[in-house]
Amino acid sequence: MKNFKIVVNGNEYDVAVEEIGGVSSAPAARPAAAPAAPKPAAPKPAAAPKPVTTAAGAGAGTNTVTAPMPGTIINVGCHAGAKVSKGDILVVLEAMKMENEIMAPHDGTVSEVRVQQGASVNAGDILVVLS
């Protein structure tokens, strides 16, 4: 019998282990494993949400910019009536300690800003409405 001191998650345990079988220190041969069943194909990762056209309450010809993931709004870089160009930063979203710049998908005018600094959002929530 051999005694060991084992620490698991900061907790210390005294363990007595008895060797079963012969005195041989060579590892025992393991039986051959049965062939593994083929793994099912992994699902394809979902694409990031794209701007959705014609949001509820918005007229025809408008686009909404949605949150690609849950997080907290740390900066709103636009206001209603502002003209924006494709790639302009509309909102900065913090998720998992990373800042994500949410950019305008196309040129347009901001018709509505639906979030404010400090707001928590879920994936798919509408952040800005463009026209």
N, C-alpha and C. Protein backbone atom coordinates (compact mmCIF):
# COMPACT_ATOMS: atom_id res chain seq x y z
N MET A 1 0.85 -1.16 0.00
CA MET A 1 0.00 0.00 0.00
C MET A 1 0.91 1.24 0.00
N LYS A 2 0.53 2.20 -0.84
CA LYS A 2 1.28 3.46 -0.92
C LYS A 2 0.36 4.59 -0.51
N ASN A 3 0.91 5.57 0.20
CA ASN A 3 0.15 6.74 0.61
C ASN A 3 0.56 7.93 -0.24
N PHE A 4 -0.45 8.70 -0.67
CA PHE A 4 -0.21 9.89 -1.48
C PHE A 4 -0.98 11.05 -0.89
N LYS A 5 -0.44 12.25 -1.07
CA LYS A 5 -1.14 13.47 -0.70
C LYS A 5 -1.56 14.12 -2.01
N ILE A 6 -2.86 14.34 -2.20
CA ILE A 6 -3.40 14.90 -3.44
C ILE A 6 -4.13 16.19 -3.12
N VAL A 7 -3.90 17.23 -3.95
CA VAL A 7 -4.59 18.51 -3.79
C VAL A 7 -5.51 18.71 -5.00
N VAL A 8 -6.81 18.88 -4.75
CA VAL A 8 -7.80 19.09 -5.79
C VAL A 8 -8.56 20.37 -5.46
N ASN A 9 -8.48 21.35 -6.36
CA ASN A 9 -9.17 22.64 -6.16
C ASN A 9 -8.86 23.25 -4.80
N GLY A 10 -7.61 23.14 -4.37
CA GLY A 10 -7.19 23.74 -3.12
C GLY A 10 -7.47 22.89 -1.89
N ASN A 11 -8.16 21.77 -2.05
CA ASN A 11 -8.45 20.88 -0.93
C ASN A 11 -7.43 19.74 -0.93
N GLU A 12 -6.84 19.47 0.24
CA GLU A 12 -5.80 18.46 0.36
C GLU A 12 -6.40 17.15 0.87
N TYR A 13 -6.03 16.04 0.23
CA TYR A 13 -6.54 14.72 0.60
C TYR A 13 -5.36 13.77 0.78
N ASP A 14 -5.42 12.94 1.84
CA ASP A 14 -4.46 11.86 2.02
C ASP A 14 -5.12 10.61 1.47
N VAL A 15 -4.44 9.94 0.54
CA VAL A 15 -5.02 8.80 -0.15
C VAL A 15 -4.10 7.60 -0.02
N ALA A 16 -4.66 6.46 0.30
CA ALA A 16 -3.91 5.20 0.35
C ALA A 16 -4.29 4.40 -0.89
N VAL A 17 -3.26 3.96 -1.64
CA VAL A 17 -3.51 3.22 -2.87
C VAL A 17 -2.85 1.86 -2.75
N GLU A 18 -3.63 0.83 -3.06
CA GLU A 18 -3.11 -0.54 -3.01
C GLU A 18 -2.90 -1.03 -4.42
N GLU A 19 -1.73 -1.60 -4.66
CA GLU A 19 -1.41 -2.13 -5.97
C GLU A 19 -2.03 -3.52 -6.08
N ILE A 20 -2.78 -3.72 -7.17
CA ILE A 20 -3.44 -5.01 -7.38
C ILE A 20 -2.67 -5.75 -8.46
N GLY A 21 -2.54 -7.02 -8.31
CA GLY A 21 -1.84 -7.79 -9.32
C GLY A 21 -0.42 -8.09 -8.86
N GLY A 22 0.41 -8.46 -9.82
CA GLY A 22 1.78 -8.86 -9.52
C GLY A 22 2.63 -7.69 -9.06
N VAL A 23 3.91 -7.99 -8.83
CA VAL A 23 4.87 -7.03 -8.35
C VAL A 23 5.44 -6.23 -9.52
N SER A 24 5.10 -6.60 -10.72
CA SER A 24 5.65 -5.97 -11.92
C SER A 24 5.31 -4.49 -11.94
N SER A 25 6.31 -3.69 -12.29
CA SER A 25 6.08 -2.25 -12.40
C SER A 25 5.75 -1.86 -13.83
N ALA A 26 5.77 -2.84 -14.75
CA ALA A 26 5.44 -2.54 -16.15
C ALA A 26 3.93 -2.36 -16.26
N PRO A 27 3.49 -1.42 -17.07
CA PRO A 27 2.05 -1.22 -17.21
C PRO A 27 1.40 -2.42 -17.88
N ALA A 28 0.20 -2.73 -17.45
CA ALA A 28 -0.54 -3.85 -18.02
C ALA A 28 -1.00 -3.48 -19.41
N ALA A 29 -1.05 -4.48 -20.28
CA ALA A 29 -1.52 -4.23 -21.64
C ALA A 29 -3.00 -3.95 -21.61
N ARG A 30 -3.41 -2.95 -22.33
CA ARG A 30 -4.82 -2.61 -22.38
C ARG A 30 -5.47 -3.37 -23.53
N PRO A 31 -6.70 -3.80 -23.33
CA PRO A 31 -7.38 -4.48 -24.43
C PRO A 31 -7.64 -3.48 -25.57
N ALA A 32 -7.65 -4.00 -26.78
CA ALA A 32 -7.87 -3.13 -27.94
C ALA A 32 -9.28 -2.57 -27.87
N ALA A 33 -9.39 -1.29 -28.14
CA ALA A 33 -10.69 -0.63 -28.12
C ALA A 33 -11.45 -0.94 -29.40
N ALA A 34 -12.74 -1.00 -29.27
CA ALA A 34 -13.57 -1.21 -30.45
C ALA A 34 -13.46 0.02 -31.34
N PRO A 35 -13.57 -0.16 -32.65
CA PRO A 35 -13.47 1.01 -33.52
C PRO A 35 -14.55 2.04 -33.16
N ALA A 36 -14.14 3.28 -33.14
CA ALA A 36 -15.06 4.35 -32.77
C ALA A 36 -16.08 4.57 -33.88
N ALA A 37 -17.29 4.86 -33.46
CA ALA A 37 -18.33 5.17 -34.45
C ALA A 37 -18.01 6.52 -35.08
N PRO A 38 -18.30 6.68 -36.35
CA PRO A 38 -18.00 7.97 -36.98
C PRO A 38 -18.77 9.08 -36.29
N LYS A 39 -18.08 10.21 -36.10
CA LYS A 39 -18.70 11.35 -35.44
C LYS A 39 -19.66 12.02 -36.41
N PRO A 40 -20.80 12.48 -35.90
CA PRO A 40 -21.72 13.21 -36.79
C PRO A 40 -21.07 14.54 -37.18
N ALA A 41 -21.42 15.00 -38.35
CA ALA A 41 -20.85 16.26 -38.84
C ALA A 41 -21.23 17.38 -37.89
N ALA A 42 -20.25 18.22 -37.59
CA ALA A 42 -20.48 19.35 -36.69
C ALA A 42 -21.39 20.37 -37.38
N PRO A 43 -22.30 20.96 -36.63
CA PRO A 43 -23.17 21.96 -37.25
C PRO A 43 -22.35 23.17 -37.67
N LYS A 44 -22.76 23.79 -38.75
CA LYS A 44 -22.06 24.97 -39.22
C LYS A 44 -22.33 26.12 -38.28
N PRO A 45 -21.30 26.94 -37.97
CA PRO A 45 -21.55 28.07 -37.08
C PRO A 45 -22.51 29.06 -37.73
N ALA A 46 -23.35 29.63 -36.90
CA ALA A 46 -24.33 30.59 -37.41
C ALA A 46 -23.63 31.86 -37.84
N ALA A 47 -24.06 32.42 -38.92
CA ALA A 47 -23.48 33.68 -39.39
C ALA A 47 -23.99 34.81 -38.50
N ALA A 48 -23.19 35.86 -38.40
CA ALA A 48 -23.58 37.01 -37.60
C ALA A 48 -24.85 37.62 -38.19
N PRO A 49 -25.74 38.09 -37.32
CA PRO A 49 -26.97 38.68 -37.84
C PRO A 49 -26.67 39.86 -38.76
N LYS A 50 -27.39 39.95 -39.85
CA LYS A 50 -27.22 41.05 -40.79
C LYS A 50 -28.31 42.07 -40.54
N PRO A 51 -28.13 43.28 -40.99
CA PRO A 51 -29.18 44.27 -40.82
C PRO A 51 -30.49 43.76 -41.43
N VAL A 52 -31.55 43.97 -40.71
CA VAL A 52 -32.86 43.50 -41.14
C VAL A 52 -33.60 44.67 -41.77
N THR A 53 -34.26 44.41 -42.89
CA THR A 53 -35.00 45.49 -43.53
C THR A 53 -36.41 45.54 -42.98
N THR A 54 -37.00 46.69 -43.05
CA THR A 54 -38.36 46.99 -42.60
C THR A 54 -38.63 46.44 -41.20
N ALA A 55 -38.11 47.14 -40.20
CA ALA A 55 -38.36 46.78 -38.81
C ALA A 55 -39.76 47.20 -38.41
N ALA A 56 -40.24 46.61 -37.35
CA ALA A 56 -41.57 46.98 -36.86
C ALA A 56 -41.57 48.45 -36.49
N GLY A 57 -42.53 49.19 -36.96
CA GLY A 57 -42.62 50.60 -36.64
C GLY A 57 -41.81 51.47 -37.58
N ALA A 58 -41.01 50.89 -38.45
CA ALA A 58 -40.22 51.68 -39.39
C ALA A 58 -40.88 51.58 -40.75
N GLY A 59 -40.79 52.64 -41.51
CA GLY A 59 -41.43 52.65 -42.82
C GLY A 59 -40.63 51.87 -43.83
N ALA A 60 -41.20 51.70 -45.02
CA ALA A 60 -40.51 50.99 -46.09
C ALA A 60 -39.27 51.77 -46.49
N GLY A 61 -38.24 51.06 -46.89
CA GLY A 61 -37.00 51.70 -47.33
C GLY A 61 -36.05 51.98 -46.18
N THR A 62 -36.31 51.45 -44.98
CA THR A 62 -35.40 51.65 -43.86
C THR A 62 -34.69 50.35 -43.54
N ASN A 63 -33.56 50.48 -42.88
CA ASN A 63 -32.79 49.32 -42.43
C ASN A 63 -32.52 49.47 -40.96
N THR A 64 -32.47 48.34 -40.27
CA THR A 64 -32.11 48.37 -38.86
C THR A 64 -30.74 47.74 -38.71
N VAL A 65 -30.00 48.25 -37.75
CA VAL A 65 -28.70 47.68 -37.41
C VAL A 65 -28.91 47.01 -36.06
N THR A 66 -28.64 45.71 -36.00
CA THR A 66 -28.91 44.93 -34.79
C THR A 66 -27.62 44.53 -34.09
N ALA A 67 -27.76 44.17 -32.82
CA ALA A 67 -26.63 43.71 -32.01
C ALA A 67 -26.25 42.30 -32.46
N PRO A 68 -24.98 42.06 -32.81
CA PRO A 68 -24.57 40.73 -33.23
C PRO A 68 -24.42 39.75 -32.07
N MET A 69 -24.36 40.27 -30.82
CA MET A 69 -24.17 39.43 -29.65
C MET A 69 -24.67 40.19 -28.43
N PRO A 70 -24.90 39.52 -27.33
CA PRO A 70 -25.30 40.23 -26.12
C PRO A 70 -24.13 41.02 -25.55
N GLY A 71 -24.42 42.15 -24.92
CA GLY A 71 -23.37 42.95 -24.34
C GLY A 71 -23.91 44.25 -23.77
N THR A 72 -22.99 45.19 -23.52
CA THR A 72 -23.33 46.50 -22.95
C THR A 72 -22.87 47.58 -23.91
N ILE A 73 -23.72 48.57 -24.14
CA ILE A 73 -23.37 49.69 -25.00
C ILE A 73 -22.45 50.62 -24.21
N ILE A 74 -21.23 50.83 -24.71
CA ILE A 74 -20.30 51.71 -24.00
C ILE A 74 -20.13 53.05 -24.70
N ASN A 75 -20.62 53.17 -25.94
CA ASN A 75 -20.55 54.45 -26.63
C ASN A 75 -21.56 54.46 -27.77
N VAL A 76 -22.27 55.58 -27.90
CA VAL A 76 -23.18 55.78 -29.02
C VAL A 76 -22.57 56.90 -29.84
N GLY A 77 -22.16 56.59 -31.08
CA GLY A 77 -21.45 57.55 -31.91
C GLY A 77 -22.30 58.22 -32.96
N CYS A 78 -23.62 58.18 -32.82
CA CYS A 78 -24.48 58.82 -33.80
C CYS A 78 -25.72 59.35 -33.10
N HIS A 79 -26.48 60.15 -33.81
CA HIS A 79 -27.74 60.68 -33.28
C HIS A 79 -28.74 60.77 -34.41
N ALA A 80 -30.01 60.87 -34.06
CA ALA A 80 -31.07 60.95 -35.06
C ALA A 80 -30.82 62.16 -35.97
N GLY A 81 -30.95 61.93 -37.27
CA GLY A 81 -30.76 62.99 -38.25
C GLY A 81 -29.35 63.05 -38.81
N ALA A 82 -28.41 62.32 -38.22
CA ALA A 82 -27.02 62.36 -38.68
C ALA A 82 -26.87 61.58 -39.99
N LYS A 83 -26.08 62.12 -40.90
CA LYS A 83 -25.75 61.41 -42.14
C LYS A 83 -24.54 60.52 -41.84
N VAL A 84 -24.63 59.25 -42.27
CA VAL A 84 -23.53 58.32 -42.05
C VAL A 84 -23.13 57.68 -43.37
N SER A 85 -21.87 57.29 -43.45
CA SER A 85 -21.34 56.59 -44.62
C SER A 85 -21.07 55.15 -44.23
N LYS A 86 -21.03 54.28 -45.23
CA LYS A 86 -20.73 52.87 -44.99
C LYS A 86 -19.42 52.78 -44.21
N GLY A 87 -19.44 52.03 -43.10
CA GLY A 87 -18.24 51.82 -42.29
C GLY A 87 -18.10 52.79 -41.13
N ASP A 88 -18.95 53.84 -41.05
CA ASP A 88 -18.91 54.74 -39.89
C ASP A 88 -19.33 53.98 -38.64
N ILE A 89 -18.69 54.29 -37.52
CA ILE A 89 -19.01 53.62 -36.26
C ILE A 89 -20.29 54.23 -35.69
N LEU A 90 -21.30 53.40 -35.52
CA LEU A 90 -22.57 53.85 -34.96
C LEU A 90 -22.61 53.67 -33.45
N VAL A 91 -22.17 52.49 -33.00
CA VAL A 91 -22.25 52.12 -31.59
C VAL A 91 -21.04 51.26 -31.25
N VAL A 92 -20.55 51.36 -30.00
CA VAL A 92 -19.50 50.46 -29.52
C VAL A 92 -20.15 49.56 -28.47
N LEU A 93 -20.07 48.26 -28.70
CA LEU A 93 -20.69 47.25 -27.85
C LEU A 93 -19.60 46.46 -27.15
N GLU A 94 -19.66 46.40 -25.82
CA GLU A 94 -18.69 45.61 -25.07
C GLU A 94 -19.30 44.24 -24.79
N ALA A 95 -18.58 43.19 -25.21
CA ALA A 95 -19.02 41.82 -24.96
C ALA A 95 -17.79 41.00 -24.63
N MET A 96 -17.84 40.26 -23.55
CA MET A 96 -16.73 39.41 -23.12
C MET A 96 -15.43 40.20 -23.01
N LYS A 97 -15.52 41.40 -22.43
CA LYS A 97 -14.38 42.28 -22.19
C LYS A 97 -13.70 42.75 -23.47
N MET A 98 -14.42 42.70 -24.57
CA MET A 98 -13.88 43.20 -25.84
C MET A 98 -14.83 44.26 -26.38
N GLU A 99 -14.25 45.31 -26.97
CA GLU A 99 -15.06 46.36 -27.57
C GLU A 99 -15.30 46.02 -29.04
N ASN A 100 -16.57 45.99 -29.44
CA ASN A 100 -16.95 45.66 -30.80
C ASN A 100 -17.58 46.90 -31.43
N GLU A 101 -16.99 47.38 -32.51
CA GLU A 101 -17.51 48.55 -33.19
C GLU A 101 -18.60 48.11 -34.16
N ILE A 102 -19.80 48.62 -33.97
CA ILE A 102 -20.92 48.30 -34.85
C ILE A 102 -20.97 49.43 -35.88
N MET A 103 -20.77 49.07 -37.14
CA MET A 103 -20.62 50.06 -38.21
C MET A 103 -21.84 50.12 -39.11
N ALA A 104 -21.97 51.25 -39.79
CA ALA A 104 -23.06 51.44 -40.74
C ALA A 104 -22.87 50.50 -41.92
N PRO A 105 -23.89 49.73 -42.29
CA PRO A 105 -23.77 48.79 -43.39
C PRO A 105 -23.80 49.47 -44.76
N HIS A 106 -24.29 50.72 -44.79
CA HIS A 106 -24.39 51.47 -46.05
C HIS A 106 -24.55 52.95 -45.72
N ASP A 107 -24.43 53.79 -46.73
CA ASP A 107 -24.66 55.22 -46.56
C ASP A 107 -26.12 55.45 -46.22
N GLY A 108 -26.40 56.46 -45.43
CA GLY A 108 -27.79 56.77 -45.10
C GLY A 108 -27.88 57.84 -44.04
N THR A 109 -29.08 57.98 -43.52
CA THR A 109 -29.37 58.93 -42.45
C THR A 109 -29.91 58.17 -41.26
N VAL A 110 -29.43 58.51 -40.07
CA VAL A 110 -29.91 57.86 -38.86
C VAL A 110 -31.29 58.42 -38.57
N SER A 111 -32.31 57.56 -38.63
CA SER A 111 -33.66 58.03 -38.34
C SER A 111 -34.04 57.79 -36.88
N GLU A 112 -33.35 56.83 -36.24
CA GLU A 112 -33.67 56.55 -34.84
C GLU A 112 -32.51 55.82 -34.18
N VAL A 113 -32.17 56.21 -32.94
CA VAL A 113 -31.19 55.49 -32.13
C VAL A 113 -31.98 54.88 -30.98
N ARG A 114 -31.98 53.57 -30.88
CA ARG A 114 -32.82 52.88 -29.89
C ARG A 114 -32.08 52.44 -28.64
N VAL A 115 -30.81 52.81 -28.50
CA VAL A 115 -30.04 52.44 -27.30
C VAL A 115 -29.35 53.68 -26.76
N GLN A 116 -28.92 53.56 -25.52
CA GLN A 116 -28.14 54.63 -24.92
C GLN A 116 -26.96 54.01 -24.18
N GLN A 117 -25.98 54.83 -23.87
CA GLN A 117 -24.78 54.35 -23.21
C GLN A 117 -25.15 53.67 -21.89
N GLY A 118 -24.56 52.51 -21.64
CA GLY A 118 -24.82 51.75 -20.42
C GLY A 118 -25.92 50.71 -20.54
N ALA A 119 -26.65 50.74 -21.65
CA ALA A 119 -27.77 49.80 -21.83
C ALA A 119 -27.24 48.39 -22.12
N SER A 120 -27.92 47.40 -21.59
CA SER A 120 -27.61 46.00 -21.91
C SER A 120 -28.49 45.58 -23.08
N VAL A 121 -27.90 44.87 -24.03
CA VAL A 121 -28.64 44.42 -25.20
C VAL A 121 -28.43 42.92 -25.40
N ASN A 122 -29.37 42.31 -26.07
CA ASN A 122 -29.28 40.90 -26.44
C ASN A 122 -28.99 40.81 -27.93
N ALA A 123 -28.51 39.66 -28.38
CA ALA A 123 -28.26 39.45 -29.80
C ALA A 123 -29.57 39.66 -30.56
N GLY A 124 -29.51 40.45 -31.63
CA GLY A 124 -30.68 40.70 -32.45
C GLY A 124 -31.46 41.95 -32.06
N ASP A 125 -31.15 42.55 -30.91
CA ASP A 125 -31.84 43.78 -30.53
C ASP A 125 -31.50 44.89 -31.52
N ILE A 126 -32.48 45.72 -31.83
CA ILE A 126 -32.26 46.82 -32.77
C ILE A 126 -31.51 47.94 -32.05
N LEU A 127 -30.39 48.38 -32.63
CA LEU A 127 -29.58 49.44 -32.06
C LEU A 127 -29.89 50.76 -32.73
N VAL A 128 -29.88 50.77 -34.07
CA VAL A 128 -30.04 52.00 -34.85
C VAL A 128 -30.91 51.70 -36.06
N VAL A 129 -31.75 52.65 -36.44
CA VAL A 129 -32.57 52.54 -37.63
C VAL A 129 -32.03 53.57 -38.63
N LEU A 130 -31.69 53.09 -39.84
CA LEU A 130 -31.17 53.96 -40.91
C LEU A 130 -32.23 54.09 -42.01
N SER A 131 -32.18 55.21 -42.72
CA SER A 131 -33.05 55.36 -43.87
C SER A 131 -32.24 55.90 -45.03
